[in-house]
Protein backbone atom coordinates (compact mmCIF):
# COMPACT_ATOMS: atom_id res chain seq x y z
CA MET A 1 47.37 43.65 -4.57
CA ALA A 2 44.58 46.17 -4.19
CA ALA A 3 41.24 44.87 -2.92
CA PRO A 4 38.42 44.65 -5.49
CA ARG A 5 36.32 47.82 -5.74
CA TYR A 6 33.23 46.18 -4.26
CA LYS A 7 35.21 44.91 -1.26
CA THR A 8 36.38 48.44 -0.53
CA LEU A 9 32.78 49.61 -0.64
CA VAL A 10 31.66 46.76 1.64
CA ASP A 11 34.35 47.70 4.16
CA ALA A 12 33.39 51.39 4.05
CA LEU A 13 29.68 50.72 4.57
CA ALA A 14 30.42 48.18 7.31
CA SER A 15 32.57 50.74 9.09
CA ASP A 16 29.84 53.38 8.84
CA ILE A 17 27.25 50.96 10.27
CA ARG A 18 29.43 49.75 13.13
CA SER A 19 30.46 53.27 14.10
CA GLY A 20 26.88 54.54 14.07
CA ARG A 21 27.46 56.97 11.20
CA LEU A 22 24.71 55.00 9.47
CA ALA A 23 22.01 54.76 12.13
CA ALA A 24 20.07 51.63 12.95
CA GLY A 25 16.92 51.47 10.85
CA ALA A 26 18.30 53.78 8.14
CA ARG A 27 17.15 52.88 4.64
CA LEU A 28 20.07 52.42 2.26
CA PRO A 29 19.94 53.43 -1.42
CA THR A 30 18.32 51.05 -3.87
CA HIS A 31 20.65 48.74 -5.78
CA ARG A 32 20.42 51.09 -8.77
CA GLY A 33 20.87 54.12 -6.53
CA LEU A 34 24.04 52.69 -4.97
CA ALA A 35 25.35 51.71 -8.40
CA ALA A 36 24.80 55.23 -9.74
CA ARG A 37 26.30 56.87 -6.66
CA GLU A 38 29.43 54.72 -6.62
CA GLY A 39 29.88 54.27 -10.37
CA ILE A 40 29.52 50.47 -10.25
CA ALA A 41 27.32 47.95 -12.01
CA VAL A 42 23.93 47.07 -10.50
CA VAL A 43 25.03 43.45 -10.14
CA THR A 44 28.03 44.67 -8.12
CA ALA A 45 25.75 46.75 -5.87
CA THR A 46 23.64 43.64 -5.30
CA ARG A 47 26.80 41.77 -4.31
CA VAL A 48 27.74 44.54 -1.85
CA TYR A 49 24.37 44.34 -0.09
CA ALA A 50 24.48 40.53 -0.07
CA GLU A 51 27.83 40.58 1.75
CA LEU A 52 26.59 43.14 4.27
CA GLU A 53 23.55 40.95 4.91
CA THR A 54 25.76 37.89 5.41
CA MET A 55 27.75 39.92 7.94
CA GLY A 56 24.52 40.65 9.82
CA LEU A 57 24.76 44.39 9.24
CA VAL A 58 21.72 44.97 7.02
CA SER A 59 18.39 43.33 6.32
CA ARG A 60 16.72 43.23 2.93
CA GLU A 61 12.93 43.36 2.79
CA GLN A 62 11.13 42.61 -0.43
CA GLY A 63 9.28 45.64 -1.75
CA ARG A 64 10.66 47.93 0.96
CA GLY A 65 14.43 48.09 0.53
CA THR A 66 17.62 47.48 2.48
CA PHE A 67 17.90 48.68 6.09
CA VAL A 68 20.69 49.00 8.63
CA ARG A 69 20.24 46.45 11.39
CA ASP A 70 20.33 47.45 15.04
CA LEU A 71 23.57 45.88 16.27
CA ALA A 72 22.32 45.98 19.86
CA ILE A 73 20.19 42.96 18.94
CA PRO A 74 22.42 39.86 18.94
CA ALA A 75 22.51 37.62 15.88
CA GLY A 76 20.03 34.79 16.16
CA HIS A 77 17.90 36.62 18.69
CA GLY A 78 14.64 34.71 19.00
CA ILE A 79 16.15 31.50 17.56
CA ASP A 80 19.28 31.07 19.64
CA GLN A 81 18.61 31.28 23.35
CA GLN A 82 20.52 34.33 24.56
CA VAL A 83 21.58 34.89 28.15
CA VAL A 84 19.18 37.40 29.68
CA ALA A 85 20.59 39.77 32.27
CA ARG A 86 19.52 39.05 35.82
CA ASP A 87 17.66 42.34 36.01
CA ALA A 88 15.90 41.86 32.66
CA VAL A 89 12.37 40.58 32.09
CA ASP A 90 12.28 37.78 29.51
CA LEU A 91 9.36 38.14 27.07
CA ASN A 92 11.34 36.27 24.43
CA PHE A 93 11.15 32.66 25.66
CA ASN A 94 8.42 30.95 27.65
CA TYR A 95 9.18 29.07 30.86
CA PRO A 96 5.67 28.52 32.24
CA SER A 97 5.90 27.32 35.82
CA LEU A 98 3.53 27.01 38.75
CA PRO A 99 4.01 27.27 42.51
CA GLY A 100 4.58 23.89 44.14
CA GLN A 101 6.11 22.11 41.15
CA ALA A 102 9.43 21.68 42.97
CA ASP A 103 7.59 19.89 45.78
CA LEU A 104 5.98 17.58 43.24
CA LEU A 105 9.40 16.71 41.86
CA ARG A 106 10.82 16.14 45.33
CA GLN A 107 8.00 13.71 46.13
CA ALA A 108 8.36 11.95 42.79
CA LEU A 109 12.08 11.42 43.34
CA ARG A 110 11.33 9.85 46.72
CA GLU A 111 8.80 7.51 45.11
CA VAL A 112 11.17 6.49 42.34
CA ALA A 113 13.96 5.94 44.86
CA GLY A 114 11.72 3.56 46.80
CA SER A 115 10.51 1.63 43.77
CA GLY A 116 11.54 -1.94 43.04
CA ASP A 117 12.85 -1.31 39.53
CA LEU A 118 15.46 1.33 40.38
CA ASP A 119 18.33 -0.74 38.97
CA SER A 120 16.63 -0.86 35.58
CA LEU A 121 16.81 2.92 35.31
CA LEU A 122 20.62 2.70 35.30
CA ARG A 123 20.71 0.61 32.12
CA TYR A 124 20.24 1.39 28.46
CA GLN A 125 16.57 1.59 27.57
CA PRO A 126 14.86 0.51 24.34
CA HIS A 127 15.34 3.20 21.70
CA PRO A 128 11.62 4.09 21.48
CA GLY A 129 11.12 3.86 25.26
CA ARG A 130 10.02 1.16 27.68
CA PRO A 131 6.75 -0.58 26.74
CA GLN A 132 5.05 0.53 29.97
CA ASP A 133 6.02 4.15 29.36
CA ARG A 134 4.73 4.08 25.79
CA ALA A 135 1.49 2.57 27.09
CA SER A 136 1.14 5.42 29.61
CA ILE A 137 1.53 7.96 26.83
CA ALA A 138 -1.01 6.10 24.68
CA ARG A 139 -3.58 6.35 27.49
CA HIS A 140 -2.79 10.06 27.87
CA LEU A 141 -3.26 10.66 24.14
CA ARG A 142 -6.76 9.18 24.17
CA CYS A 143 -7.78 12.29 26.10
CA ARG A 144 -6.35 14.32 23.19
CA GLY A 145 -8.50 12.49 20.69
CA ILE A 146 -5.79 10.14 19.42
CA ALA A 147 -6.55 6.44 19.78
CA THR A 148 -3.24 4.73 19.09
CA ASP A 149 -1.35 1.60 20.01
CA ALA A 150 1.81 1.89 22.07
CA ASP A 151 3.89 0.45 19.24
CA ARG A 152 3.28 3.62 17.20
CA ILE A 153 4.68 5.81 20.00
CA LEU A 154 8.32 6.76 20.54
CA VAL A 155 9.59 8.56 23.65
CA VAL A 156 11.98 11.42 22.87
CA ASN A 157 13.92 14.18 24.61
CA GLY A 158 11.28 16.88 24.18
CA ALA A 159 9.29 17.99 21.16
CA GLN A 160 12.30 19.61 19.47
CA HIS A 161 14.08 16.24 19.50
CA GLY A 162 10.90 14.68 18.15
CA LEU A 163 10.90 17.12 15.24
CA ALA A 164 14.61 16.47 14.64
CA ILE A 165 14.25 12.70 14.39
CA THR A 166 11.18 13.13 12.19
CA VAL A 167 13.21 15.21 9.75
CA MET A 168 16.10 12.73 9.90
CA ALA A 169 13.85 9.73 9.34
CA THR A 170 11.48 10.99 6.66
CA LEU A 171 13.18 13.76 4.66
CA ASN A 172 16.32 14.26 2.59
CA ALA A 173 18.40 17.31 1.75
CA GLY A 174 16.64 19.38 -0.88
CA ASP A 175 13.16 18.09 -0.08
CA VAL A 176 10.42 20.72 -0.33
CA VAL A 177 8.48 21.30 2.90
CA ALA A 178 5.45 23.58 3.04
CA VAL A 179 5.40 25.77 6.16
CA ASP A 180 3.40 28.76 7.31
CA ALA A 181 4.89 32.11 6.33
CA LEU A 182 5.23 32.66 10.10
CA THR A 183 6.21 29.50 11.92
CA TYR A 184 8.06 28.00 14.89
CA PRO A 185 11.75 29.06 14.76
CA GLY A 186 12.95 25.65 15.94
CA PHE A 187 11.71 24.06 12.73
CA LYS A 188 13.55 26.70 10.71
CA VAL A 189 16.76 25.73 12.52
CA LEU A 190 16.21 22.07 11.62
CA ALA A 191 15.44 22.95 8.00
CA HIS A 192 18.70 24.86 7.75
CA ALA A 193 20.71 22.09 9.40
CA PHE A 194 19.26 19.39 7.13
CA HIS A 195 19.18 21.56 3.98
CA LEU A 196 15.42 21.43 3.45
CA ASP A 197 13.72 23.73 0.95
CA LEU A 198 11.07 25.60 2.96
CA GLU A 199 8.17 26.95 0.90
CA PRO A 200 6.14 29.57 2.79
CA VAL A 201 2.35 29.38 2.70
CA PRO A 202 0.55 32.71 3.30
CA VAL A 203 -1.36 32.91 6.56
CA THR A 204 -4.91 34.02 7.28
CA ALA A 205 -6.64 34.86 10.55
CA GLY A 206 -7.68 31.23 11.05
CA GLY A 207 -4.82 29.23 9.58
CA PRO A 208 -2.74 28.69 6.45
CA ASP A 209 -4.11 29.80 3.08
CA LEU A 210 -5.20 26.39 1.82
CA ASP A 211 -5.80 27.66 -1.72
CA ALA A 212 -2.15 28.71 -1.79
CA LEU A 213 -1.09 25.35 -0.33
CA GLU A 214 -3.07 23.50 -3.01
CA LYS A 215 -1.45 25.58 -5.73
CA LEU A 216 2.01 25.03 -4.23
CA CYS A 217 1.54 21.26 -4.11
CA ALA A 218 0.42 21.30 -7.75
CA THR A 219 3.52 23.17 -8.91
CA ARG A 220 6.31 21.83 -6.67
CA PRO A 221 7.10 18.35 -5.30
CA VAL A 222 6.08 19.06 -1.70
CA ARG A 223 7.36 16.18 0.41
CA ALA A 224 5.88 17.30 3.75
CA VAL A 225 3.66 19.91 5.38
CA TYR A 226 4.73 21.22 8.79
CA THR A 227 1.77 22.61 10.70
CA MET A 228 0.55 23.62 14.17
CA PRO A 229 -3.25 23.31 13.85
CA THR A 230 -3.99 23.64 17.55
CA LEU A 231 -2.57 26.86 18.99
CA HIS A 232 -0.21 28.11 16.34
CA ASN A 233 3.06 29.67 17.47
CA PRO A 234 3.25 32.69 17.15
CA LEU A 235 -0.23 33.63 15.85
CA GLY A 236 -2.38 31.61 18.25
CA TRP A 237 -4.94 30.29 15.79
CA VAL A 238 -6.82 27.00 16.12
CA MET A 239 -7.70 25.58 12.71
CA SER A 240 -11.34 24.68 12.14
CA ALA A 241 -12.43 21.08 11.59
CA THR A 242 -13.33 21.97 7.99
CA ASP A 243 -9.86 23.34 7.26
CA ARG A 244 -8.21 20.32 8.89
CA THR A 245 -10.20 18.00 6.66
CA ARG A 246 -9.20 20.01 3.61
CA LEU A 247 -5.52 20.07 4.61
CA VAL A 248 -5.53 16.29 4.98
CA GLY A 249 -7.15 15.99 1.56
CA ILE A 250 -4.47 18.17 -0.05
CA ALA A 251 -1.68 16.17 1.57
CA ARG A 252 -3.26 12.86 0.54
CA ARG A 253 -3.79 13.90 -3.08
CA HIS A 254 -0.20 15.05 -3.44
CA GLY A 255 1.50 12.33 -1.41
CA ALA A 256 2.81 14.70 1.27
CA LEU A 257 3.62 13.72 4.84
CA ILE A 258 2.00 15.84 7.58
CA ILE A 259 4.18 16.84 10.53
CA GLU A 260 1.78 17.97 13.26
CA ASP A 261 3.38 19.97 16.08
CA ALA A 262 1.11 19.96 19.14
CA SER A 263 3.44 21.47 21.72
CA TYR A 264 0.90 24.06 22.90
CA ALA A 265 -2.26 22.08 22.14
CA TYR A 266 -2.83 21.30 25.82
CA LEU A 267 -3.86 24.93 26.38
CA VAL A 268 -6.97 24.62 24.18
CA GLU A 269 -10.05 22.98 25.63
CA ASP A 270 -12.15 20.89 23.21
CA PRO A 271 -10.31 21.65 19.96
CA PRO A 272 -11.21 19.84 16.71
CA PRO A 273 -9.64 16.37 16.41
CA PRO A 274 -5.90 16.33 15.69
CA LEU A 275 -4.78 15.62 12.14
CA ALA A 276 -3.19 12.45 13.49
CA ALA A 277 -6.64 11.21 14.47
CA THR A 278 -8.09 11.93 11.04
CA ALA A 279 -5.13 10.72 8.98
CA PRO A 280 -2.92 8.45 11.12
CA ASP A 281 -1.42 6.85 8.01
CA LEU A 282 0.24 10.06 6.79
CA THR A 283 0.73 12.12 9.96
CA VAL A 284 3.65 12.26 12.37
CA TYR A 285 2.35 13.82 15.58
CA VAL A 286 4.95 15.50 17.82
CA SER A 287 4.43 16.90 21.29
CA GLY A 288 5.96 16.88 24.74
CA LEU A 289 5.61 17.77 28.38
CA SER A 290 8.17 20.57 28.60
CA LYS A 291 5.54 23.30 28.33
CA SER A 292 2.70 21.54 30.15
CA VAL A 293 4.83 20.17 33.02
CA ALA A 294 8.33 21.69 33.21
CA THR A 295 10.90 22.82 30.67
CA GLY A 296 13.67 21.02 32.55
CA LEU A 297 12.01 17.62 32.17
CA ARG A 298 12.87 16.97 28.54
CA VAL A 299 10.32 14.27 27.78
CA GLY A 300 8.32 14.26 24.57
CA TYR A 301 6.69 11.76 22.26
CA VAL A 302 6.13 11.04 18.61
CA VAL A 303 3.16 9.16 17.18
CA ALA A 304 3.90 7.86 13.70
CA PRO A 305 2.62 5.46 11.04
CA LEU A 306 4.02 1.99 11.66
CA SER A 307 5.95 2.15 8.41
CA VAL A 308 7.97 5.11 9.74
CA VAL A 309 8.65 3.79 13.25
CA PRO A 310 11.81 1.76 12.40
CA SER A 311 13.44 4.82 10.78
CA LEU A 312 12.53 6.95 13.79
CA GLU A 313 14.08 4.36 16.12
CA ARG A 314 17.33 4.52 14.16
CA ALA A 315 17.26 8.32 14.39
CA ILE A 316 16.85 8.12 18.18
CA ARG A 317 19.77 5.72 18.34
CA ALA A 318 21.90 8.08 16.25
CA THR A 319 21.12 11.10 18.41
CA THR A 320 20.55 10.12 22.06
CA TRP A 321 20.14 6.30 22.12
CA ASN A 322 17.18 6.70 24.46
CA THR A 323 15.40 9.24 26.62
CA PRO A 324 16.86 9.37 30.16
CA ALA A 325 14.98 6.71 32.06
CA LEU A 326 14.73 8.65 35.33
CA THR A 327 12.89 11.66 33.90
CA THR A 328 10.70 9.44 31.75
CA ALA A 329 9.76 7.35 34.79
CA ILE A 330 8.79 10.48 36.75
CA VAL A 331 6.71 11.91 33.91
CA CYS A 332 4.90 8.64 33.26
CA ARG A 333 4.04 8.30 36.96
CA TRP A 334 2.49 11.75 36.72
CA LEU A 335 0.58 10.72 33.60
CA GLU A 336 -0.88 7.77 35.47
CA ASP A 337 -1.77 9.48 38.75
CA GLY A 338 -3.38 12.56 37.19
CA THR A 339 -0.63 15.04 38.03
CA VAL A 340 -0.14 16.00 34.38
CA ASP A 341 -3.88 16.60 33.91
CA HIS A 342 -3.88 18.75 37.04
CA LEU A 343 -0.86 20.80 35.92
CA GLU A 344 -2.28 21.31 32.45
CA ALA A 345 -5.59 22.57 33.85
CA ARG A 346 -3.75 25.00 36.13
CA LYS A 347 -1.60 26.24 33.26
CA ARG A 348 -4.66 26.82 31.10
CA ASP A 349 -6.03 29.00 33.89
CA ASP A 350 -2.64 30.73 34.26
CA ALA A 351 -2.33 31.42 30.51
CA THR A 352 -5.91 32.72 30.42
CA ALA A 353 -5.16 35.13 33.26
CA ARG A 354 -2.02 36.35 31.51
CA GLN A 355 -3.88 36.91 28.25
CA ALA A 356 -6.57 38.86 30.09
CA LEU A 357 -3.86 41.02 31.60
CA ALA A 358 -2.27 41.53 28.16
CA ARG A 359 -5.63 42.57 26.72
CA GLN A 360 -5.93 45.21 29.45
CA GLU A 361 -2.43 46.60 29.11
CA LEU A 362 -2.23 46.47 25.30
CA ALA A 363 -5.79 47.70 24.70
CA GLY A 364 -6.02 49.77 21.55
CA LEU A 365 -2.99 48.14 19.91
CA PRO A 366 -3.58 45.62 17.08
CA PHE A 367 -2.28 42.53 18.89
CA VAL A 368 -3.17 38.98 17.85
CA SER A 369 -3.51 36.10 20.31
CA HIS A 370 -5.55 33.17 21.58
CA PRO A 371 -7.41 33.65 24.90
CA ALA A 372 -5.45 30.81 26.55
CA SER A 373 -1.99 31.08 24.97
CA TYR A 374 1.32 32.07 26.50
CA PHE A 375 2.23 34.51 23.73
CA THR A 376 0.93 37.56 21.91
CA TRP A 377 1.76 38.85 18.42
CA LEU A 378 1.99 42.62 18.05
CA PRO A 379 2.03 43.86 14.42
CA LEU A 380 3.61 47.26 13.90
CA PRO A 381 2.95 49.88 11.22
CA ASP A 382 4.85 49.27 7.98
CA ASP A 383 7.03 52.30 8.52
CA ALA A 384 8.08 51.15 12.01
CA ARG A 385 11.30 49.28 12.72
CA ALA A 386 10.89 46.27 15.01
CA ASP A 387 14.63 45.90 15.59
CA ARG A 388 14.86 49.51 16.79
CA LEU A 389 11.90 48.97 19.12
CA THR A 390 13.48 45.75 20.41
CA ALA A 391 16.74 47.56 21.12
CA THR A 392 14.87 50.32 22.96
CA LEU A 393 13.15 47.74 25.14
CA ALA A 394 16.46 45.95 25.75
CA ARG A 395 17.87 49.19 27.17
CA ARG A 396 14.90 49.13 29.54
CA HIS A 397 15.85 45.56 30.52
CA ILE A 398 13.04 43.88 28.58
CA SER A 399 13.82 41.08 26.12
CA VAL A 400 11.37 40.52 23.25
CA SER A 401 11.57 38.96 19.79
CA THR A 402 11.00 40.49 16.37
CA ALA A 403 9.23 38.63 13.55
CA GLU A 404 12.50 37.64 11.91
CA PRO A 405 13.01 34.27 13.67
CA PHE A 406 9.45 33.22 12.74
CA THR A 407 9.51 34.36 9.10
CA THR A 408 9.97 31.91 6.22
CA SER A 409 9.10 34.25 3.33
CA THR A 410 11.28 36.93 1.77
CA HIS A 411 9.21 39.65 3.45
CA THR A 412 9.72 40.01 7.19
CA PRO A 413 6.78 41.82 8.78
CA GLN A 414 7.38 44.51 11.35
CA ALA A 415 6.06 42.87 14.52
CA LEU A 416 6.95 41.77 18.05
CA ARG A 417 6.25 38.42 19.64
CA LEU A 418 5.71 38.70 23.40
CA ALA A 419 6.08 35.58 25.54
CA LEU A 420 3.92 35.93 28.64
CA GLY A 421 4.82 32.85 30.68
CA SER A 422 8.23 33.55 32.20
CA THR A 423 7.59 36.17 34.87
CA ASP A 424 5.18 36.76 37.74
CA LEU A 425 1.92 38.58 37.05
CA ASP A 426 2.86 41.83 38.80
CA SER A 427 6.11 42.08 36.87
CA LEU A 428 4.30 41.13 33.66
CA ARG A 429 1.77 43.91 34.13
CA ALA A 430 4.47 46.55 34.67
CA THR A 431 6.52 45.20 31.75
CA LEU A 432 3.59 45.25 29.34
CA ARG A 433 2.87 48.84 30.32
CA THR A 434 6.43 49.70 29.35
CA VAL A 435 6.10 47.79 26.08
CA ARG A 436 2.91 49.67 25.29
CA ARG A 437 4.44 53.05 26.14
CA VAL A 438 7.53 52.44 24.03
CA ALA A 439 5.48 51.04 21.14
CA VAL A 440 3.12 54.01 21.15
CA GLU A 441 6.00 56.51 21.29
CA ASP A 442 8.20 54.74 18.74
CA ALA A 443 5.85 52.98 16.32
CA PHE A 444 2.26 54.16 16.69
CA ALA A 445 2.87 57.88 17.16
């Protein structure tokens, strides 16, 4: 039996893309143009492009058209953690580290080994964490402006696990969740896995467009709002106290849960109070110590309304049973003796130095960042192709991310997100010079 006409066309276009006969970044005909050229119905042309997009060969951008993807960029780049070549500089993921951290760990292991409760670390722990560990986190959070009892805290395996159990415990498939039009890719992964309906909220220079959020909540049954009010990833904003108060008001009027992601909040000195401090009854606050201490120590925490805690405990049991007691014990010792405070202060200084370097090397380009963040957002002209620029940099052994992993709307902006925390300063300076040179030659010429 002969293949359907549209399948033959899909195969032909796929072959042209894979062979390079259709170059990366090439704009394909409009749906009507393809239909006229091939003598098919417009609905069939739409089906052809949909299949090519599913195959990862093209990207469709609202108002701009359909473009050939650069196949040198692996699928999931920026969401899935790809193996970076040993000779490549990773500006895709952040692994902020400081000299001497290995010595701190070595000393902590000695102290734990000599402690009297070593046997207890070999047993199952309470699902939300040991009471003494939750109390240590509660004392730490008071410095973040959150006065909470230990029984509202759950210890988790990093902030991503905290977000996962929050979704499991509070949301159902099909629930509408308001998110920024550019947001943390890890939450997009969770939304896909749990079949959530993400509704993008337009972004402004200082935070989400709250007028648009209000209108969205009035027209759709928004079950939750996912937000990063203190040091947004990837745009680096810190929401004002006025906007935080208004966001809480919108959520309260419409019965929406607030999921507050504070993973990078430690980098901002004296920010406005967290949403969890203003509205503890409707906010689930999620953070961790992977960024502020070490990515390998997967210890995070969730602060939740008491009514939600039992469901979160069940979600922990269903996923990991409990956080590994050894790493939790080390981290909580560091919370108590001031090591975490010391590391966070040093990383604020480190991030500030890296941002200053980025400002020097990217001067004249329209980048967006916070003075103490570990990432920079580089918008490109509308006629530029971020995937082509990313592929060019990859050939120069530099790994960066496009806007695609961060985008929740139908329009993906042409932009790069540069992570600054995973290489030494000298290498970072040289790498940013290369990024600037390639961007100027390829996008800003």
